[in-house]
């Protein structure tokens, strides 16, 4: 079978399709349950050709997470603009959707996935990832009407990611936690974050 020659435009399109397919699958199935094979088959290319775009699955995950960021900000705006929701309920719904990403189509990294990606990122790529992450969380705060200074962004980032990763880690990576209380724990933590944000918004 003759080898297909792809133009630069074709390669750029296929790369975009791979990232979009990865994000869709990860949002639906979770990152760990999404395989490279599922992604390249969805786009209709071979495994060998896939690896000419992304050396590892982790490289693709990072690109997919970047693609997800504007979608997250659009979701914040939709919630804030919904006249049927109070400010508290809109913020609560956003945090709840992040914690239960498989149900809402939001791809969230587990503890193990964060560690794996960190090991694969160069120092420069890691810094880019951190900068984009902090910018995202700052924009989320601003979307909530909360002043996004450096300290608030850092605290909000940690608190938000903490409830997300802990919920996803029970009981697999955190076997000594009580799985029956996982959902109640998430709700308690979400309400505590909303309380804190509401005070900051009012001040």
N, C-alpha and C. Protein backbone atom coordinates (compact mmCIF):
# COMPACT_ATOMS: atom_id res chain seq x y z
N UNK A 1 0.86 -1.20 0.00
CA UNK A 1 0.00 0.00 0.00
C UNK A 1 0.89 1.24 0.00
N UNK A 2 0.66 2.20 -0.91
CA UNK A 2 1.53 3.37 -0.98
C UNK A 2 1.40 4.22 0.27
N UNK A 3 2.50 4.84 0.65
CA UNK A 3 2.52 5.70 1.82
C UNK A 3 1.81 7.02 1.50
N UNK A 4 0.92 7.44 2.39
CA UNK A 4 0.17 8.67 2.17
C UNK A 4 1.05 9.86 2.56
N UNK A 5 1.09 10.85 1.68
CA UNK A 5 1.83 12.08 1.99
C UNK A 5 0.85 13.11 2.54
N UNK A 6 1.10 13.56 3.75
CA UNK A 6 0.21 14.53 4.38
C UNK A 6 0.81 15.92 4.29
N UNK A 7 -0.02 16.90 3.95
CA UNK A 7 0.43 18.28 3.93
C UNK A 7 0.52 18.81 5.36
N UNK A 8 1.14 19.95 5.52
CA UNK A 8 1.21 20.58 6.84
C UNK A 8 -0.18 20.91 7.36
N UNK A 9 -1.07 21.31 6.44
CA UNK A 9 -2.45 21.60 6.82
C UNK A 9 -3.16 20.34 7.32
N UNK A 10 -2.91 19.22 6.62
CA UNK A 10 -3.50 17.94 7.05
C UNK A 10 -3.00 17.55 8.44
N UNK A 11 -1.71 17.70 8.65
CA UNK A 11 -1.13 17.33 9.96
C UNK A 11 -1.68 18.22 11.07
N UNK A 12 -1.83 19.51 10.76
CA UNK A 12 -2.38 20.42 11.77
C UNK A 12 -3.82 20.04 12.11
N UNK A 13 -4.58 19.67 11.07
CA UNK A 13 -5.98 19.27 11.30
C UNK A 13 -6.04 17.98 12.11
N UNK A 14 -5.22 17.00 11.76
CA UNK A 14 -5.22 15.72 12.48
C UNK A 14 -4.81 15.93 13.94
N UNK A 15 -3.83 16.78 14.16
CA UNK A 15 -3.41 17.07 15.54
C UNK A 15 -4.57 17.66 16.35
N UNK A 16 -5.29 18.61 15.74
CA UNK A 16 -6.45 19.20 16.43
C UNK A 16 -7.50 18.14 16.72
N UNK A 17 -7.72 17.24 15.77
CA UNK A 17 -8.71 16.18 15.95
C UNK A 17 -8.29 15.22 17.06
N UNK A 18 -7.01 14.93 17.15
CA UNK A 18 -6.52 14.05 18.21
C UNK A 18 -6.74 14.68 19.58
N UNK A 19 -6.44 15.96 19.69
CA UNK A 19 -6.61 16.65 20.98
C UNK A 19 -8.09 16.70 21.35
N UNK A 20 -8.93 17.03 20.39
CA UNK A 20 -10.37 17.10 20.65
C UNK A 20 -10.93 15.73 21.01
N UNK A 21 -10.49 14.69 20.30
CA UNK A 21 -10.96 13.33 20.60
C UNK A 21 -10.51 12.90 21.98
N UNK A 22 -9.26 13.22 22.32
CA UNK A 22 -8.75 12.87 23.65
C UNK A 22 -9.56 13.54 24.73
N UNK A 23 -9.85 14.82 24.57
CA UNK A 23 -10.61 15.55 25.59
C UNK A 23 -12.01 14.98 25.74
N UNK A 24 -12.66 14.67 24.61
CA UNK A 24 -14.01 14.10 24.66
C UNK A 24 -14.02 12.76 25.38
N UNK A 25 -13.06 11.91 25.06
CA UNK A 25 -12.99 10.58 25.69
C UNK A 25 -12.62 10.68 27.17
N UNK A 26 -11.68 11.57 27.49
CA UNK A 26 -11.27 11.71 28.89
C UNK A 26 -12.38 12.31 29.73
N UNK A 27 -13.14 13.24 29.14
CA UNK A 27 -14.26 13.81 29.88
C UNK A 27 -15.35 12.79 30.15
N UNK A 28 -15.52 11.84 29.22
CA UNK A 28 -16.56 10.82 29.36
C UNK A 28 -16.12 9.64 30.21
N UNK A 29 -14.91 9.15 29.96
CA UNK A 29 -14.45 7.90 30.58
C UNK A 29 -13.44 8.09 31.70
N UNK A 30 -12.93 9.30 31.86
CA UNK A 30 -11.83 9.51 32.80
C UNK A 30 -10.51 9.36 32.07
N UNK A 31 -9.48 9.98 32.59
CA UNK A 31 -8.19 9.99 31.91
C UNK A 31 -7.55 8.61 31.93
N UNK A 32 -7.60 7.93 33.08
CA UNK A 32 -6.94 6.63 33.19
C UNK A 32 -7.59 5.58 32.30
N UNK A 33 -8.89 5.68 32.08
CA UNK A 33 -9.59 4.67 31.28
C UNK A 33 -9.62 5.03 29.79
N UNK A 34 -8.99 6.13 29.44
CA UNK A 34 -8.88 6.51 28.03
C UNK A 34 -7.52 6.07 27.52
N UNK A 35 -7.53 5.28 26.45
CA UNK A 35 -6.28 4.74 25.92
C UNK A 35 -5.87 5.46 24.64
N UNK A 36 -4.59 5.36 24.33
CA UNK A 36 -4.08 5.90 23.07
C UNK A 36 -4.80 5.25 21.89
N UNK A 37 -5.05 3.95 22.00
CA UNK A 37 -5.72 3.23 20.92
C UNK A 37 -7.12 3.79 20.66
N UNK A 38 -7.86 4.08 21.72
CA UNK A 38 -9.19 4.65 21.55
C UNK A 38 -9.12 5.99 20.81
N UNK A 39 -8.10 6.76 21.15
CA UNK A 39 -7.97 8.10 20.57
C UNK A 39 -7.62 8.04 19.09
N UNK A 40 -6.57 7.27 18.73
CA UNK A 40 -6.17 7.27 17.32
C UNK A 40 -7.20 6.56 16.44
N UNK A 41 -7.91 5.57 16.99
CA UNK A 41 -8.95 4.92 16.21
C UNK A 41 -10.14 5.86 15.97
N UNK A 42 -10.44 6.69 16.95
CA UNK A 42 -11.54 7.64 16.80
C UNK A 42 -11.24 8.65 15.68
N UNK A 43 -9.97 9.00 15.54
CA UNK A 43 -9.57 9.94 14.49
C UNK A 43 -9.35 9.23 13.16
N UNK A 44 -9.10 7.90 13.21
CA UNK A 44 -8.93 7.13 11.98
C UNK A 44 -7.51 7.09 11.46
N UNK A 45 -6.55 7.09 12.38
CA UNK A 45 -5.15 6.98 11.97
C UNK A 45 -4.52 5.78 12.67
N UNK A 46 -3.29 5.46 12.31
CA UNK A 46 -2.60 4.32 12.89
C UNK A 46 -1.87 4.71 14.17
N UNK A 47 -1.51 3.70 14.95
CA UNK A 47 -0.71 3.93 16.17
C UNK A 47 0.62 4.60 15.82
N UNK A 48 1.27 4.10 14.78
CA UNK A 48 2.57 4.65 14.39
C UNK A 48 2.45 6.13 14.02
N UNK A 49 1.40 6.45 13.26
CA UNK A 49 1.20 7.85 12.85
C UNK A 49 0.87 8.72 14.06
N UNK A 50 0.13 8.17 15.02
CA UNK A 50 -0.21 8.92 16.24
C UNK A 50 1.06 9.42 16.92
N UNK A 51 2.05 8.53 17.02
CA UNK A 51 3.25 8.89 17.77
C UNK A 51 4.15 9.87 17.02
N UNK A 52 3.81 10.22 15.80
CA UNK A 52 4.53 11.31 15.13
C UNK A 52 4.00 12.67 15.59
N UNK A 53 2.85 12.66 16.26
CA UNK A 53 2.28 13.89 16.80
C UNK A 53 2.59 14.06 18.29
N UNK A 54 2.47 12.96 19.03
CA UNK A 54 2.66 13.01 20.48
C UNK A 54 3.55 11.84 20.91
N UNK A 55 4.72 12.11 21.47
CA UNK A 55 5.63 11.03 21.88
C UNK A 55 5.03 10.14 22.97
N UNK A 56 4.18 10.72 23.83
CA UNK A 56 3.57 9.95 24.91
C UNK A 56 2.11 10.36 25.08
N UNK A 57 1.37 9.52 25.77
CA UNK A 57 -0.02 9.87 26.10
C UNK A 57 -0.05 11.12 26.97
N UNK A 58 0.95 11.27 27.84
CA UNK A 58 0.97 12.41 28.75
C UNK A 58 1.08 13.74 28.00
N UNK A 59 1.85 13.74 26.90
CA UNK A 59 1.95 14.96 26.10
C UNK A 59 0.58 15.35 25.54
N UNK A 60 -0.18 14.35 25.11
CA UNK A 60 -1.51 14.60 24.57
C UNK A 60 -2.45 15.07 25.67
N UNK A 61 -2.36 14.49 26.85
CA UNK A 61 -3.22 14.89 27.96
C UNK A 61 -3.05 16.37 28.27
N UNK A 62 -1.80 16.81 28.31
CA UNK A 62 -1.54 18.22 28.61
C UNK A 62 -2.19 19.12 27.56
N UNK A 63 -2.06 18.76 26.29
CA UNK A 63 -2.69 19.54 25.22
C UNK A 63 -4.20 19.55 25.36
N UNK A 64 -4.77 18.41 25.73
CA UNK A 64 -6.22 18.32 25.90
C UNK A 64 -6.68 19.19 27.07
N UNK A 65 -5.90 19.23 28.13
CA UNK A 65 -6.25 20.07 29.28
C UNK A 65 -6.21 21.55 28.91
N UNK A 66 -5.27 21.92 28.04
CA UNK A 66 -5.24 23.31 27.56
C UNK A 66 -6.49 23.62 26.75
N UNK A 67 -6.90 22.66 25.91
CA UNK A 67 -8.11 22.85 25.09
C UNK A 67 -9.35 22.98 25.97
N UNK A 68 -9.33 22.31 27.11
CA UNK A 68 -10.48 22.34 28.01
C UNK A 68 -10.67 23.68 28.71
N UNK A 69 -9.61 24.44 28.87
CA UNK A 69 -9.68 25.65 29.68
C UNK A 69 -10.73 26.66 29.21
N UNK A 70 -10.79 27.01 27.92
CA UNK A 70 -11.85 27.94 27.51
C UNK A 70 -13.25 27.36 27.67
N UNK A 71 -13.37 26.04 27.59
CA UNK A 71 -14.67 25.41 27.81
C UNK A 71 -15.10 25.57 29.27
N UNK A 72 -14.14 25.46 30.17
CA UNK A 72 -14.44 25.64 31.60
C UNK A 72 -14.88 27.08 31.86
N UNK A 73 -14.18 28.04 31.27
CA UNK A 73 -14.54 29.44 31.47
C UNK A 73 -15.92 29.75 30.88
N UNK A 74 -16.23 29.13 29.75
CA UNK A 74 -17.56 29.33 29.15
C UNK A 74 -18.64 28.74 30.06
N UNK A 75 -18.32 27.63 30.72
CA UNK A 75 -19.27 27.01 31.66
C UNK A 75 -19.50 27.92 32.86
N UNK A 76 -18.43 28.53 33.37
CA UNK A 76 -18.58 29.49 34.47
C UNK A 76 -19.51 30.62 34.06
N UNK A 77 -19.30 31.15 32.87
CA UNK A 77 -20.12 32.27 32.39
C UNK A 77 -21.58 31.86 32.26
N UNK A 78 -21.84 30.66 31.73
CA UNK A 78 -23.21 30.20 31.59
C UNK A 78 -23.90 30.12 32.95
N UNK A 79 -23.18 29.59 33.93
CA UNK A 79 -23.76 29.48 35.27
C UNK A 79 -24.03 30.85 35.87
N UNK A 80 -23.06 31.75 35.72
CA UNK A 80 -23.22 33.09 36.30
C UNK A 80 -24.34 33.88 35.63
N UNK A 81 -24.56 33.61 34.33
CA UNK A 81 -25.59 34.32 33.57
C UNK A 81 -26.98 33.70 33.70
N UNK A 82 -27.07 32.55 34.35
CA UNK A 82 -28.35 31.85 34.47
C UNK A 82 -29.23 32.54 35.50
N UNK A 83 -30.34 33.16 35.09
CA UNK A 83 -31.19 33.89 36.05
C UNK A 83 -31.88 32.98 37.06
N UNK A 84 -31.92 31.69 36.76
CA UNK A 84 -32.57 30.76 37.69
C UNK A 84 -31.67 30.37 38.85
N UNK A 85 -30.37 30.73 38.77
CA UNK A 85 -29.43 30.34 39.80
C UNK A 85 -28.99 31.54 40.64
N UNK A 86 -28.94 31.35 41.93
CA UNK A 86 -28.32 32.36 42.78
C UNK A 86 -26.81 32.28 42.59
N UNK A 87 -26.09 33.30 43.08
CA UNK A 87 -24.63 33.27 42.96
C UNK A 87 -24.08 32.04 43.66
N UNK A 88 -24.56 31.75 44.87
CA UNK A 88 -24.06 30.60 45.62
C UNK A 88 -24.30 29.30 44.88
N UNK A 89 -25.50 29.15 44.33
CA UNK A 89 -25.82 27.89 43.66
C UNK A 89 -25.00 27.72 42.38
N UNK A 90 -24.75 28.83 41.69
CA UNK A 90 -23.95 28.75 40.47
C UNK A 90 -22.52 28.31 40.79
N UNK A 91 -21.93 28.89 41.83
CA UNK A 91 -20.57 28.50 42.22
C UNK A 91 -20.56 27.06 42.71
N UNK A 92 -21.57 26.70 43.49
CA UNK A 92 -21.64 25.34 44.01
C UNK A 92 -21.77 24.33 42.87
N UNK A 93 -22.58 24.65 41.88
CA UNK A 93 -22.75 23.74 40.74
C UNK A 93 -21.45 23.57 39.97
N UNK A 94 -20.70 24.66 39.83
CA UNK A 94 -19.43 24.58 39.11
C UNK A 94 -18.47 23.64 39.85
N UNK A 95 -18.30 23.83 41.14
CA UNK A 95 -17.38 23.00 41.91
C UNK A 95 -17.83 21.54 41.92
N UNK A 96 -19.13 21.34 42.02
CA UNK A 96 -19.68 19.98 42.00
C UNK A 96 -19.38 19.31 40.67
N UNK A 97 -19.55 20.04 39.57
CA UNK A 97 -19.29 19.48 38.23
C UNK A 97 -17.82 19.09 38.10
N UNK A 98 -16.93 19.88 38.67
CA UNK A 98 -15.50 19.54 38.60
C UNK A 98 -15.20 18.27 39.41
N UNK A 99 -15.84 18.14 40.55
CA UNK A 99 -15.59 16.96 41.40
C UNK A 99 -16.13 15.69 40.77
N UNK A 100 -17.18 15.80 39.99
CA UNK A 100 -17.78 14.64 39.35
C UNK A 100 -17.62 14.79 37.83
N UNK A 101 -16.36 14.90 37.41
CA UNK A 101 -16.05 15.21 36.03
C UNK A 101 -16.62 14.23 35.02
N UNK A 102 -16.68 12.94 35.39
CA UNK A 102 -17.19 11.94 34.44
C UNK A 102 -18.65 12.22 34.10
N UNK A 103 -19.40 12.78 35.06
CA UNK A 103 -20.82 13.06 34.82
C UNK A 103 -21.02 14.35 34.05
N UNK A 104 -20.07 15.28 34.17
CA UNK A 104 -20.23 16.60 33.55
C UNK A 104 -19.33 16.79 32.33
N UNK A 105 -18.52 15.78 32.00
CA UNK A 105 -17.66 15.88 30.83
C UNK A 105 -16.41 16.71 31.04
N UNK A 106 -16.01 16.90 32.29
CA UNK A 106 -14.78 17.65 32.58
C UNK A 106 -13.68 16.66 32.94
N UNK A 107 -12.57 16.75 32.22
CA UNK A 107 -11.44 15.84 32.47
C UNK A 107 -10.62 16.37 33.65
N UNK A 108 -10.46 15.53 34.67
CA UNK A 108 -9.74 15.92 35.88
C UNK A 108 -8.63 14.90 36.14
N UNK A 109 -7.44 15.38 36.48
CA UNK A 109 -6.32 14.50 36.77
C UNK A 109 -6.44 13.89 38.17
N UNK A 110 -6.17 12.59 38.27
CA UNK A 110 -6.07 11.95 39.57
C UNK A 110 -4.69 12.24 40.16
N UNK A 111 -4.48 11.83 41.41
CA UNK A 111 -3.17 12.01 42.04
C UNK A 111 -2.10 11.30 41.23
N UNK A 112 -2.37 10.06 40.84
CA UNK A 112 -1.39 9.28 40.09
C UNK A 112 -1.09 9.92 38.74
N UNK A 113 -2.12 10.45 38.09
CA UNK A 113 -1.94 11.08 36.79
C UNK A 113 -1.12 12.36 36.90
N UNK A 114 -1.38 13.12 37.97
CA UNK A 114 -0.57 14.33 38.18
C UNK A 114 0.90 13.97 38.35
N UNK A 115 1.16 12.92 39.13
CA UNK A 115 2.55 12.51 39.35
C UNK A 115 3.18 12.03 38.05
N UNK A 116 2.43 11.28 37.25
CA UNK A 116 2.96 10.74 35.99
C UNK A 116 3.27 11.87 35.01
N UNK A 117 2.36 12.81 34.89
CA UNK A 117 2.59 13.92 33.97
C UNK A 117 3.77 14.77 34.44
N UNK A 118 3.86 15.00 35.75
CA UNK A 118 4.97 15.80 36.28
C UNK A 118 6.31 15.17 35.91
N UNK A 119 6.38 13.85 35.98
CA UNK A 119 7.64 13.16 35.65
C UNK A 119 7.99 13.28 34.16
N UNK A 120 6.98 13.47 33.31
CA UNK A 120 7.23 13.53 31.87
C UNK A 120 7.46 14.95 31.36
N UNK A 121 7.08 15.96 32.14
CA UNK A 121 7.22 17.33 31.68
C UNK A 121 8.64 17.84 31.91
N UNK A 122 9.16 18.56 30.93
CA UNK A 122 10.43 19.25 31.13
C UNK A 122 10.19 20.42 32.09
N UNK A 123 11.24 20.95 32.70
CA UNK A 123 11.05 22.12 33.59
C UNK A 123 10.35 23.27 32.88
N UNK A 124 10.67 23.48 31.60
CA UNK A 124 10.05 24.57 30.86
C UNK A 124 8.56 24.30 30.62
N UNK A 125 8.24 23.05 30.23
CA UNK A 125 6.84 22.70 30.00
C UNK A 125 6.04 22.73 31.30
N UNK A 126 6.68 22.31 32.38
CA UNK A 126 6.01 22.36 33.69
C UNK A 126 5.66 23.80 34.06
N UNK A 127 6.60 24.72 33.81
CA UNK A 127 6.34 26.12 34.15
C UNK A 127 5.20 26.68 33.31
N UNK A 128 5.18 26.32 32.02
CA UNK A 128 4.09 26.75 31.15
C UNK A 128 2.75 26.22 31.68
N UNK A 129 2.76 24.94 32.07
CA UNK A 129 1.54 24.31 32.59
C UNK A 129 1.06 25.05 33.85
N UNK A 130 1.98 25.32 34.77
CA UNK A 130 1.61 26.01 36.01
C UNK A 130 1.08 27.41 35.73
N UNK A 131 1.75 28.13 34.83
CA UNK A 131 1.31 29.49 34.51
C UNK A 131 -0.10 29.48 33.92
N UNK A 132 -0.36 28.54 33.00
CA UNK A 132 -1.69 28.46 32.39
C UNK A 132 -2.74 28.04 33.42
N UNK A 133 -2.35 27.14 34.32
CA UNK A 133 -3.27 26.69 35.36
C UNK A 133 -3.66 27.83 36.29
N UNK A 134 -2.68 28.59 36.74
CA UNK A 134 -2.97 29.70 37.65
C UNK A 134 -3.77 30.79 36.94
N UNK A 135 -3.49 31.01 35.65
CA UNK A 135 -4.27 31.98 34.90
C UNK A 135 -5.72 31.53 34.81
N UNK A 136 -5.93 30.24 34.58
CA UNK A 136 -7.29 29.70 34.51
C UNK A 136 -8.04 29.92 35.81
N UNK A 137 -7.41 29.56 36.93
CA UNK A 137 -8.11 29.70 38.21
C UNK A 137 -8.35 31.17 38.57
N UNK A 138 -7.45 32.04 38.13
CA UNK A 138 -7.69 33.47 38.33
C UNK A 138 -8.88 33.95 37.52
N UNK A 139 -9.01 33.46 36.29
CA UNK A 139 -10.15 33.84 35.46
C UNK A 139 -11.45 33.26 36.00
N UNK A 140 -11.38 32.09 36.60
CA UNK A 140 -12.58 31.51 37.22
C UNK A 140 -13.03 32.40 38.37
N UNK A 141 -12.08 32.81 39.22
CA UNK A 141 -12.43 33.71 40.33
C UNK A 141 -13.06 35.00 39.81
N UNK A 142 -12.46 35.58 38.78
CA UNK A 142 -13.01 36.80 38.22
C UNK A 142 -14.40 36.56 37.66
N UNK A 143 -14.60 35.39 37.07
CA UNK A 143 -15.93 35.04 36.59
C UNK A 143 -16.95 34.98 37.71
N UNK A 144 -16.48 34.63 38.90
CA UNK A 144 -17.36 34.60 40.08
C UNK A 144 -17.54 35.99 40.70
N UNK A 145 -16.81 36.97 40.17
CA UNK A 145 -16.89 38.31 40.72
C UNK A 145 -16.02 38.52 41.94
N UNK A 146 -14.99 37.68 42.08
CA UNK A 146 -14.06 37.76 43.21
C UNK A 146 -12.73 38.31 42.72
N UNK A 147 -12.16 39.27 43.43
CA UNK A 147 -10.87 39.84 43.04
C UNK A 147 -9.82 38.74 43.04
N UNK A 148 -9.09 38.63 41.92
CA UNK A 148 -8.15 37.51 41.75
C UNK A 148 -6.72 37.98 41.98
N UNK A 149 -6.36 38.20 43.24
CA UNK A 149 -4.96 38.51 43.53
C UNK A 149 -4.19 37.19 43.69
N UNK A 150 -2.87 37.29 43.78
CA UNK A 150 -2.01 36.11 43.76
C UNK A 150 -2.35 35.15 44.91
N UNK A 151 -2.54 35.68 46.11
CA UNK A 151 -2.82 34.83 47.27
C UNK A 151 -4.15 34.10 47.11
N UNK A 152 -5.17 34.80 46.64
CA UNK A 152 -6.48 34.18 46.47
C UNK A 152 -6.45 33.11 45.38
N UNK A 153 -5.74 33.40 44.31
CA UNK A 153 -5.65 32.41 43.24
C UNK A 153 -4.98 31.14 43.74
N UNK A 154 -3.89 31.29 44.47
CA UNK A 154 -3.18 30.11 44.99
C UNK A 154 -4.04 29.30 45.93
N UNK A 155 -4.74 29.98 46.84
CA UNK A 155 -5.58 29.27 47.80
C UNK A 155 -6.76 28.60 47.10
N UNK A 156 -7.40 29.32 46.19
CA UNK A 156 -8.55 28.76 45.47
C UNK A 156 -8.13 27.56 44.62
N UNK A 157 -6.97 27.66 43.98
CA UNK A 157 -6.46 26.54 43.19
C UNK A 157 -6.27 25.31 44.06
N UNK A 158 -5.60 25.47 45.18
CA UNK A 158 -5.33 24.33 46.07
C UNK A 158 -6.61 23.74 46.64
N UNK A 159 -7.51 24.59 47.11
CA UNK A 159 -8.74 24.09 47.71
C UNK A 159 -9.60 23.36 46.68
N UNK A 160 -9.69 23.93 45.49
CA UNK A 160 -10.51 23.29 44.44
C UNK A 160 -9.93 21.96 44.02
N UNK A 161 -8.62 21.94 43.75
CA UNK A 161 -7.99 20.69 43.32
C UNK A 161 -8.00 19.65 44.43
N UNK A 162 -7.92 20.12 45.68
CA UNK A 162 -7.90 19.19 46.81
C UNK A 162 -9.19 18.36 46.88
N UNK A 163 -10.32 19.04 46.76
CA UNK A 163 -11.57 18.27 46.86
C UNK A 163 -11.75 17.37 45.65
N UNK A 164 -11.28 17.83 44.48
CA UNK A 164 -11.42 17.02 43.27
C UNK A 164 -10.57 15.76 43.35
N UNK A 165 -9.28 15.93 43.67
CA UNK A 165 -8.39 14.76 43.64
C UNK A 165 -8.67 13.81 44.80
N UNK A 166 -9.06 14.35 45.95
CA UNK A 166 -9.37 13.47 47.08
C UNK A 166 -10.61 12.63 46.77
N UNK A 167 -11.62 13.27 46.20
CA UNK A 167 -12.83 12.53 45.85
C UNK A 167 -12.52 11.42 44.85
N UNK A 168 -11.67 11.72 43.85
CA UNK A 168 -11.32 10.71 42.85
C UNK A 168 -10.41 9.63 43.42
N UNK A 169 -9.70 9.94 44.52
CA UNK A 169 -8.72 9.00 45.08
C UNK A 169 -9.32 8.04 46.10
N UNK A 170 -10.57 8.29 46.52
CA UNK A 170 -11.21 7.41 47.50
C UNK A 170 -11.97 6.31 46.76
N UNK A 171 -11.74 5.04 47.10
CA UNK A 171 -10.79 4.51 48.07
C UNK A 171 -9.49 4.02 47.44
N UNK A 172 -9.37 4.11 46.10
CA UNK A 172 -8.23 3.51 45.41
C UNK A 172 -6.88 3.94 45.94
N UNK A 173 -6.55 5.23 45.79
CA UNK A 173 -5.24 5.72 46.22
C UNK A 173 -5.23 6.12 47.70
N UNK A 174 -6.42 6.27 48.26
CA UNK A 174 -6.53 6.66 49.68
C UNK A 174 -7.43 5.63 50.39
N UNK A 175 -6.93 4.42 50.59
CA UNK A 175 -7.77 3.33 51.10
C UNK A 175 -8.21 3.50 52.55
N UNK A 176 -7.53 4.36 53.30
CA UNK A 176 -7.92 4.53 54.71
C UNK A 176 -9.03 5.58 54.88
N UNK A 177 -9.39 6.27 53.80
CA UNK A 177 -10.54 7.17 53.87
C UNK A 177 -11.82 6.32 53.85
N UNK A 178 -12.92 6.91 54.28
CA UNK A 178 -14.20 6.19 54.36
C UNK A 178 -14.99 6.46 53.07
N UNK A 179 -15.10 5.48 52.18
CA UNK A 179 -15.76 5.72 50.90
C UNK A 179 -17.23 6.10 51.03
N UNK A 180 -17.90 5.56 52.06
CA UNK A 180 -19.33 5.87 52.24
C UNK A 180 -19.56 7.34 52.55
N UNK A 181 -18.54 8.02 53.05
CA UNK A 181 -18.67 9.44 53.40
C UNK A 181 -18.07 10.36 52.35
N UNK A 182 -17.64 9.80 51.21
CA UNK A 182 -16.95 10.60 50.20
C UNK A 182 -17.83 11.73 49.66
N UNK A 183 -19.05 11.41 49.28
CA UNK A 183 -19.94 12.44 48.71
C UNK A 183 -20.28 13.51 49.74
N UNK A 184 -20.54 13.10 50.96
CA UNK A 184 -20.85 14.07 52.02
C UNK A 184 -19.64 14.96 52.30
N UNK A 185 -18.46 14.38 52.21
CA UNK A 185 -17.23 15.16 52.41
C UNK A 185 -17.08 16.20 51.32
N UNK A 186 -17.34 15.81 50.09
CA UNK A 186 -17.25 16.74 48.96
C UNK A 186 -18.21 17.90 49.16
N UNK A 187 -19.46 17.60 49.53
CA UNK A 187 -20.46 18.65 49.72
C UNK A 187 -20.06 19.60 50.84
N UNK A 188 -19.53 19.06 51.93
CA UNK A 188 -19.07 19.90 53.05
C UNK A 188 -17.97 20.84 52.59
N UNK A 189 -17.00 20.31 51.84
CA UNK A 189 -15.88 21.13 51.39
C UNK A 189 -16.32 22.17 50.36
N UNK A 190 -17.22 21.78 49.47
CA UNK A 190 -17.74 22.75 48.49
C UNK A 190 -18.42 23.90 49.20
N UNK A 191 -19.27 23.60 50.17
CA UNK A 191 -19.96 24.65 50.90
C UNK A 191 -18.99 25.56 51.64
N UNK A 192 -17.92 24.98 52.18
CA UNK A 192 -16.92 25.78 52.88
C UNK A 192 -16.21 26.73 51.91
N UNK A 193 -15.89 26.25 50.71
CA UNK A 193 -15.25 27.10 49.71
C UNK A 193 -16.19 28.21 49.27
N UNK A 194 -17.46 27.87 49.04
CA UNK A 194 -18.44 28.88 48.62
C UNK A 194 -18.60 29.94 49.72
N UNK A 195 -18.64 29.52 50.96
CA UNK A 195 -18.74 30.48 52.08
C UNK A 195 -17.56 31.45 52.05
N UNK A 196 -16.37 30.92 51.87
CA UNK A 196 -15.16 31.76 51.86
C UNK A 196 -15.17 32.72 50.67
N UNK A 197 -15.55 32.21 49.49
CA UNK A 197 -15.60 33.06 48.30
C UNK A 197 -16.65 34.15 48.45
N UNK A 198 -17.77 33.82 49.07
CA UNK A 198 -18.83 34.81 49.24
C UNK A 198 -18.35 35.97 50.11
N UNK A 199 -17.61 35.66 51.16
CA UNK A 199 -17.06 36.71 52.02
C UNK A 199 -16.07 37.59 51.25
N UNK A 200 -15.24 36.95 50.43
CA UNK A 200 -14.27 37.70 49.64
C UNK A 200 -14.98 38.57 48.60
N UNK A 201 -16.04 38.06 48.02
CA UNK A 201 -16.80 38.82 47.03
C UNK A 201 -17.43 40.05 47.67
N UNK A 202 -17.97 39.87 48.85
CA UNK A 202 -18.63 40.98 49.54
C UNK A 202 -17.65 42.04 50.02
N UNK A 203 -16.41 41.58 50.32
CA UNK A 203 -15.42 42.54 50.80
C UNK A 203 -14.74 43.28 49.65
